[in-house]
Amino acid sequence: MESSLDEMVKNFKLEIEHLNKKFSLKRTYKILKNNEKGKLISE
């Protein structure tokens, strides 16, 4: 039982990480569109 719970928690954390990456990519893209200098910062 415990091991499956650990697995769920791990998957949940990965899911959150994935969502955070998606949102930060959108944010970075907006910055790039608004400010060309932002490209240097993000790379």
PDB file of N, CA and C in Angstrom:
ATOM      1  N   MET A   1       0.828  -1.208   0.000  1.00  0.00           N
ATOM      2  CA  MET A   1       0.000   0.000   0.000  1.00  0.00           C
ATOM      3  C   MET A   1       0.863   1.259   0.000  1.00  0.00           C
ATOM      4  N   GLU A   2       1.865   1.266   0.876  1.00  0.00           N
ATOM      5  CA  GLU A   2       2.706   2.453   0.981  1.00  0.00           C
ATOM      6  C   GLU A   2       3.420   2.763  -0.326  1.00  0.00           C
ATOM      7  N   SER A   3       3.934   1.715  -0.968  1.00  0.00           N
ATOM      8  CA  SER A   3       4.698   1.923  -2.198  1.00  0.00           C
ATOM      9  C   SER A   3       3.831   2.542  -3.300  1.00  0.00           C
ATOM     10  N   SER A   4       2.570   2.123  -3.398  1.00  0.00           N
ATOM     11  CA  SER A   4       1.701   2.693  -4.425  1.00  0.00           C
ATOM     12  C   SER A   4       1.378   4.153  -4.110  1.00  0.00           C
ATOM     13  N   LEU A   5       1.297   4.465  -2.825  1.00  0.00           N
ATOM     14  CA  LEU A   5       1.059   5.850  -2.421  1.00  0.00           C
ATOM     15  C   LEU A   5       2.260   6.709  -2.810  1.00  0.00           C
ATOM     16  N   ASP A   6       3.452   6.192  -2.562  1.00  0.00           N
ATOM     17  CA  ASP A   6       4.672   6.896  -2.966  1.00  0.00           C
ATOM     18  C   ASP A   6       4.665   7.142  -4.474  1.00  0.00           C
ATOM     19  N   GLU A   7       4.240   6.134  -5.204  1.00  0.00           N
ATOM     20  CA  GLU A   7       4.186   6.237  -6.663  1.00  0.00           C
ATOM     21  C   GLU A   7       3.228   7.339  -7.086  1.00  0.00           C
ATOM     22  N   MET A   8       2.065   7.384  -6.433  1.00  0.00           N
ATOM     23  CA  MET A   8       1.077   8.417  -6.740  1.00  0.00           C
ATOM     24  C   MET A   8       1.635   9.803  -6.472  1.00  0.00           C
ATOM     25  N   VAL A   9       2.291   9.943  -5.334  1.00  0.00           N
ATOM     26  CA  VAL A   9       2.866  11.240  -4.968  1.00  0.00           C
ATOM     27  C   VAL A   9       3.918  11.656  -5.990  1.00  0.00           C
ATOM     28  N   LYS A  10       4.753  10.700  -6.389  1.00  0.00           N
ATOM     29  CA  LYS A  10       5.806  10.996  -7.360  1.00  0.00           C
ATOM     30  C   LYS A  10       5.187  11.446  -8.690  1.00  0.00           C
ATOM     31  N   ASN A  11       4.162  10.719  -9.141  1.00  0.00           N
ATOM     32  CA  ASN A  11       3.499  11.071 -10.399  1.00  0.00           C
ATOM     33  C   ASN A  11       2.840  12.439 -10.307  1.00  0.00           C
ATOM     34  N   PHE A  12       2.254  12.721  -9.146  1.00  0.00           N
ATOM     35  CA  PHE A  12       1.587  13.997  -8.928  1.00  0.00           C
ATOM     36  C   PHE A  12       2.594  15.139  -9.012  1.00  0.00           C
ATOM     37  N   LYS A  13       3.753  14.943  -8.386  1.00  0.00           N
ATOM     38  CA  LYS A  13       4.801  15.968  -8.425  1.00  0.00           C
ATOM     39  C   LYS A  13       5.291  16.190  -9.850  1.00  0.00           C
ATOM     40  N   LEU A  14       5.448  15.103 -10.603  1.00  0.00           N
ATOM     41  CA  LEU A  14       5.876  15.221 -12.002  1.00  0.00           C
ATOM     42  C   LEU A  14       4.842  15.992 -12.811  1.00  0.00           C
ATOM     43  N   GLU A  15       3.576  15.711 -12.544  1.00  0.00           N
ATOM     44  CA  GLU A  15       2.478  16.389 -13.233  1.00  0.00           C
ATOM     45  C   GLU A  15       2.542  17.889 -12.981  1.00  0.00           C
ATOM     46  N   ILE A  16       2.734  18.262 -11.716  1.00  0.00           N
ATOM     47  CA  ILE A  16       2.826  19.675 -11.340  1.00  0.00           C
ATOM     48  C   ILE A  16       4.030  20.325 -12.013  1.00  0.00           C
ATOM     49  N   GLU A  17       5.158  19.619 -12.001  1.00  0.00           N
ATOM     50  CA  GLU A  17       6.364  20.133 -12.646  1.00  0.00           C
ATOM     51  C   GLU A  17       6.093  20.395 -14.123  1.00  0.00           C
ATOM     52  N   HIS A  18       5.416  19.456 -14.756  1.00  0.00           N
ATOM     53  CA  HIS A  18       5.097  19.565 -16.179  1.00  0.00           C
ATOM     54  C   HIS A  18       4.234  20.797 -16.440  1.00  0.00           C
ATOM     55  N   LEU A  19       3.213  20.999 -15.590  1.00  0.00           N
ATOM     56  CA  LEU A  19       2.340  22.163 -15.745  1.00  0.00           C
ATOM     57  C   LEU A  19       3.121  23.450 -15.544  1.00  0.00           C
ATOM     58  N   ASN A  20       3.979  23.474 -14.536  1.00  0.00           N
ATOM     59  CA  ASN A  20       4.783  24.663 -14.281  1.00  0.00           C
ATOM     60  C   ASN A  20       5.651  25.002 -15.479  1.00  0.00           C
ATOM     61  N   LYS A  21       6.235  23.974 -16.095  1.00  0.00           N
ATOM     62  CA  LYS A  21       7.070  24.197 -17.275  1.00  0.00           C
ATOM     63  C   LYS A  21       6.243  24.773 -18.407  1.00  0.00           C
ATOM     64  N   LYS A  22       5.038  24.229 -18.600  1.00  0.00           N
ATOM     65  CA  LYS A  22       4.172  24.716 -19.667  1.00  0.00           C
ATOM     66  C   LYS A  22       3.848  26.192 -19.461  1.00  0.00           C
ATOM     67  N   PHE A  23       3.497  26.554 -18.228  1.00  0.00           N
ATOM     68  CA  PHE A  23       3.143  27.937 -17.946  1.00  0.00           C
ATOM     69  C   PHE A  23       4.341  28.864 -18.076  1.00  0.00           C
ATOM     70  N   SER A  24       5.500  28.431 -17.603  1.00  0.00           N
ATOM     71  CA  SER A  24       6.676  29.292 -17.696  1.00  0.00           C
ATOM     72  C   SER A  24       7.111  29.454 -19.151  1.00  0.00           C
ATOM     73  N   LEU A  25       6.865  28.427 -19.978  1.00  0.00           N
ATOM     74  CA  LEU A  25       7.162  28.561 -21.406  1.00  0.00           C
ATOM     75  C   LEU A  25       6.261  29.618 -22.031  1.00  0.00           C
ATOM     76  N   LYS A  26       4.988  29.611 -21.669  1.00  0.00           N
ATOM     77  CA  LYS A  26       4.061  30.620 -22.186  1.00  0.00           C
ATOM     78  C   LYS A  26       4.514  32.008 -21.760  1.00  0.00           C
ATOM     79  N   ARG A  27       4.907  32.123 -20.494  1.00  0.00           N
ATOM     80  CA  ARG A  27       5.348  33.407 -19.961  1.00  0.00           C
ATOM     81  C   ARG A  27       6.595  33.876 -20.707  1.00  0.00           C
ATOM     82  N   THR A  28       7.536  32.943 -20.911  1.00  0.00           N
ATOM     83  CA  THR A  28       8.767  33.279 -21.627  1.00  0.00           C
ATOM     84  C   THR A  28       8.436  33.726 -23.042  1.00  0.00           C
ATOM     85  N   TYR A  29       7.495  33.050 -23.671  1.00  0.00           N
ATOM     86  CA  TYR A  29       7.104  33.392 -25.039  1.00  0.00           C
ATOM     87  C   TYR A  29       6.532  34.804 -25.097  1.00  0.00           C
ATOM     88  N   LYS A  30       5.698  35.158 -24.115  1.00  0.00           N
ATOM     89  CA  LYS A  30       5.140  36.513 -24.059  1.00  0.00           C
ATOM     90  C   LYS A  30       6.250  37.537 -23.929  1.00  0.00           C
ATOM     91  N   ILE A  31       7.219  37.244 -23.070  1.00  0.00           N
ATOM     92  CA  ILE A  31       8.341  38.160 -22.874  1.00  0.00           C
ATOM     93  C   ILE A  31       9.091  38.331 -24.188  1.00  0.00           C
ATOM     94  N   LEU A  32       9.295  37.218 -24.896  1.00  0.00           N
ATOM     95  CA  LEU A  32      10.005  37.287 -26.176  1.00  0.00           C
ATOM     96  C   LEU A  32       9.241  38.149 -27.171  1.00  0.00           C
ATOM     97  N   LYS A  33       7.936  38.009 -27.203  1.00  0.00           N
ATOM     98  CA  LYS A  33       7.126  38.794 -28.131  1.00  0.00           C
ATOM     99  C   LYS A  33       7.171  40.273 -27.770  1.00  0.00           C
ATOM    100  N   ASN A  34       7.141  40.574 -26.471  1.00  0.00           N
ATOM    101  CA  ASN A  34       7.115  41.963 -26.027  1.00  0.00           C
ATOM    102  C   ASN A  34       8.483  42.611 -26.051  1.00  0.00           C
ATOM    103  N   ASN A  35       9.529  41.812 -25.857  1.00  0.00           N
ATOM    104  CA  ASN A  35      10.857  42.375 -25.690  1.00  0.00           C
ATOM    105  C   ASN A  35      11.903  41.441 -26.290  1.00  0.00           C
ATOM    106  N   GLU A  36      12.517  41.866 -27.384  1.00  0.00           N
ATOM    107  CA  GLU A  36      13.500  41.023 -28.061  1.00  0.00           C
ATOM    108  C   GLU A  36      14.710  40.734 -27.188  1.00  0.00           C
ATOM    109  N   LYS A  37      15.042  41.646 -26.276  1.00  0.00           N
ATOM    110  CA  LYS A  37      16.175  41.429 -25.385  1.00  0.00           C
ATOM    111  C   LYS A  37      15.902  40.262 -24.443  1.00  0.00           C
ATOM    112  N   GLY A  38      14.645  39.960 -24.211  1.00  0.00           N
ATOM    113  CA  GLY A  38      14.269  38.847 -23.355  1.00  0.00           C
ATOM    114  C   GLY A  38      14.814  37.519 -23.873  1.00  0.00           C
ATOM    115  N   LYS A  39      15.056  37.447 -25.178  1.00  0.00           N
ATOM    116  CA  LYS A  39      15.573  36.227 -25.792  1.00  0.00           C
ATOM    117  C   LYS A  39      16.926  35.865 -25.191  1.00  0.00           C
ATOM    118  N   LEU A  40      17.775  36.868 -25.008  1.00  0.00           N
ATOM    119  CA  LEU A  40      19.099  36.623 -24.449  1.00  0.00           C
ATOM    120  C   LEU A  40      18.996  36.097 -23.021  1.00  0.00           C
ATOM    121  N   ILE A  41      18.056  36.642 -22.264  1.00  0.00           N
ATOM    122  CA  ILE A  41      17.900  36.246 -20.863  1.00  0.00           C
ATOM    123  C   ILE A  41      17.434  34.792 -20.760  1.00  0.00           C
ATOM    124  N   SER A  42      16.479  34.397 -21.600  1.00  0.00           N
ATOM    125  CA  SER A  42      15.890  33.059 -21.482  1.00  0.00           C
ATOM    126  C   SER A  42      16.816  31.958 -21.986  1.00  0.00           C
ATOM    127  N   GLU A  43      17.773  32.299 -22.867  1.00  0.00           N
ATOM    128  CA  GLU A  43      18.639  31.253 -23.423  1.00  0.00           C
ATOM    129  C   GLU A  43      19.825  30.949 -22.540  1.00  0.00           C
TER     130      GLU A  43
END
